Structure formats: structure tokens, C-alpha cells
Protein backbone atom coordinates (compact mmCIF):
# COMPACT_ATOMS: atom_id res chain seq x y z
CA MET A 1 12.96 -4.81 13.81
CA HIS A 2 12.54 -5.48 10.11
CA ARG A 3 14.47 -3.27 7.70
CA ILE A 4 11.34 -2.26 5.76
CA PHE A 5 9.89 -0.61 8.92
CA THR A 6 12.58 2.09 8.85
CA THR A 7 12.59 2.45 5.06
CA SER A 8 10.94 5.61 3.77
CA VAL A 9 7.70 5.22 1.84
CA ALA A 10 9.11 7.78 -0.62
CA SER A 11 12.00 5.45 -1.50
CA VAL A 12 9.60 2.61 -2.44
CA TYR A 13 6.83 4.73 -4.01
CA PRO A 14 8.62 5.22 -7.40
CA HIS A 15 8.88 1.42 -7.69
CA TYR A 16 5.12 1.13 -7.10
CA VAL A 17 4.52 3.78 -9.78
CA THR A 18 6.80 1.99 -12.27
CA LYS A 19 5.15 -1.35 -11.55
CA VAL A 20 1.60 -0.14 -12.16
CA GLU A 21 2.48 2.10 -15.13
CA ARG A 22 4.30 -0.80 -16.84
CA LYS A 23 0.95 -2.59 -16.76
CA GLY A 24 -1.04 0.36 -18.15
CA ARG A 25 -2.34 1.74 -14.85
CA THR A 26 -1.79 5.29 -13.60
CA GLN A 27 -0.13 7.01 -10.66
CA ALA A 28 -3.56 8.48 -9.83
CA GLU A 29 -4.96 4.94 -9.51
CA LEU A 30 -2.01 3.98 -7.30
CA ASP A 31 -2.66 7.01 -5.09
CA GLU A 32 -6.34 6.09 -4.89
CA VAL A 33 -5.39 2.62 -3.63
CA ILE A 34 -2.97 4.05 -1.05
CA THR A 35 -5.48 6.63 0.22
CA TRP A 36 -8.20 3.94 0.40
CA LEU A 37 -5.99 1.74 2.58
CA THR A 38 -4.52 4.44 4.83
CA GLY A 39 -7.31 6.99 5.14
CA PHE A 40 -4.85 9.73 4.14
CA ASP A 41 -6.07 12.27 1.61
CA GLU A 42 -3.95 13.26 -1.40
CA ALA A 43 -2.32 16.17 0.48
CA GLU A 44 -1.43 13.97 3.47
CA LEU A 45 0.03 11.32 1.17
CA ARG A 46 2.18 13.95 -0.61
CA ALA A 47 3.32 15.35 2.76
CA HIS A 48 4.45 11.87 3.88
CA LEU A 49 6.31 11.34 0.59
CA ASP A 50 7.96 14.79 0.82
CA ALA A 51 8.95 14.21 4.46
CA GLU A 52 10.33 10.76 3.62
CA THR A 53 8.25 9.22 6.41
CA THR A 54 9.24 5.66 7.36
CA PHE A 55 6.73 2.84 6.84
CA GLN A 56 6.53 2.58 10.65
CA ASP A 57 5.48 6.24 11.06
CA PHE A 58 3.36 6.21 7.90
CA PHE A 59 1.16 3.38 9.16
CA ALA A 60 1.24 4.65 12.77
CA GLY A 61 -0.63 7.73 11.52
CA ALA A 62 -2.91 5.85 9.13
CA ARG A 63 -6.63 5.35 9.66
CA LEU A 64 -6.74 1.84 8.19
CA ASN A 65 -9.75 1.15 6.01
CA PRO A 66 -12.31 -1.00 7.88
CA ASN A 67 -12.35 -3.36 4.85
CA ALA A 68 -8.57 -3.90 4.91
CA GLY A 69 -9.18 -7.28 6.56
CA LEU A 70 -10.79 -8.42 3.29
CA ILE A 71 -7.36 -8.23 1.62
CA THR A 72 -6.20 -11.83 1.29
CA GLY A 73 -3.76 -13.77 -0.83
CA VAL A 74 -0.04 -14.26 -1.21
CA VAL A 75 2.69 -11.62 -1.46
CA CYS A 76 6.33 -12.73 -1.66
CA GLY A 77 5.24 -16.26 -0.75
CA VAL A 78 3.45 -15.16 2.43
CA ARG A 79 -0.33 -15.19 3.01
CA VAL A 80 -1.15 -11.61 4.05
CA GLU A 81 -4.00 -12.68 6.32
CA GLU A 82 -1.56 -14.84 8.33
CA VAL A 83 1.11 -12.16 8.96
CA GLU A 84 1.29 -11.77 12.74
CA ASP A 85 3.10 -8.45 13.06
CA PRO A 86 0.45 -5.72 12.59
CA LEU A 87 2.85 -3.30 10.87
CA MET A 88 4.22 -5.96 8.52
CA GLN A 89 0.65 -6.99 7.72
CA ARG A 90 -0.24 -3.41 6.74
CA ILE A 91 2.84 -3.21 4.50
CA ARG A 92 1.84 -6.52 2.90
CA TYR A 93 -1.72 -5.21 2.41
CA LEU A 94 -0.24 -2.31 0.47
CA ASP A 95 1.98 -4.65 -1.57
CA LYS A 96 -1.02 -6.86 -2.36
CA LEU A 97 -3.14 -3.90 -3.51
CA VAL A 98 -0.31 -2.67 -5.75
CA ASP A 99 0.05 -6.19 -7.20
CA GLU A 100 -3.68 -6.41 -7.92
CA LEU A 101 -3.68 -2.99 -9.56
CA ALA A 102 -0.69 -3.97 -11.71
CA LYS A 103 -2.39 -7.24 -12.66
CA GLY A 104 -5.28 -5.27 -14.15
CA LYS A 105 -7.93 -6.05 -11.55
CA ALA A 106 -10.94 -3.74 -11.66
CA MET A 107 -10.56 -0.83 -9.22
CA GLU A 108 -13.83 -1.77 -7.51
CA LYS A 109 -12.39 -5.24 -6.73
CA VAL A 110 -9.01 -3.85 -5.62
CA LEU A 111 -10.82 -1.49 -3.23
CA ARG A 112 -12.96 -4.37 -1.92
CA GLY A 113 -16.16 -2.68 -3.16
């Protein structure tokens, strides 16, 4: 099992916030991206962060957006559409969305509108 699977989302979340805020985006925009991908509402997202849910449990309870398959590209040198492990692919989807947000992509494009 990969180490990230048992890492809490709450431990990585502040790094996501820092990354997007450094590039002039907001925590609210980050949360919008996460809720779009996972199907969690704001309260559910906060509950997962407060409970320090692992990535494994976080995505096990997620209602993945039907357009998540449209997320393509490279994260950490790996093409997200070619990741075979379903959980790792979902984590990479999230990483890719955070990257796009931080790079200043329009929200409509990030959310595959």
C-alpha cells in the first residue's frame, strides 16, 4: 500500500491552500475544486478535515464527479489518465486540479465546464 493512502487529507490540505494562495487564488476556490471532484459539500469536507480522514477513506466515501475522467495531463511526471490504481488516480486527479488552480486556469476550465 502506498504511503499517501494512509496519510490524512488534513495534513496535506494546508499545503494545497498555501500553493493556491501563493498564486493569488483563494481557499474558497480550492474548496470548490475539492467539492466538485468528491461530491462532498462544504460541511462534509470540513468534517473529513476535522476527523483527519485518510485519503483512502476520504475517496472511499466520495461521489466522484462524472466528468473526473476528463482530467488529463501530467502530475509528478505521471500521466493521470494512465494511473492504474483507482485510489491513486483519484489522488492524482486532486493534485492536477490543485495545480491547474494554482497556475491561474479559469475555474470553468478547472471544473471541466
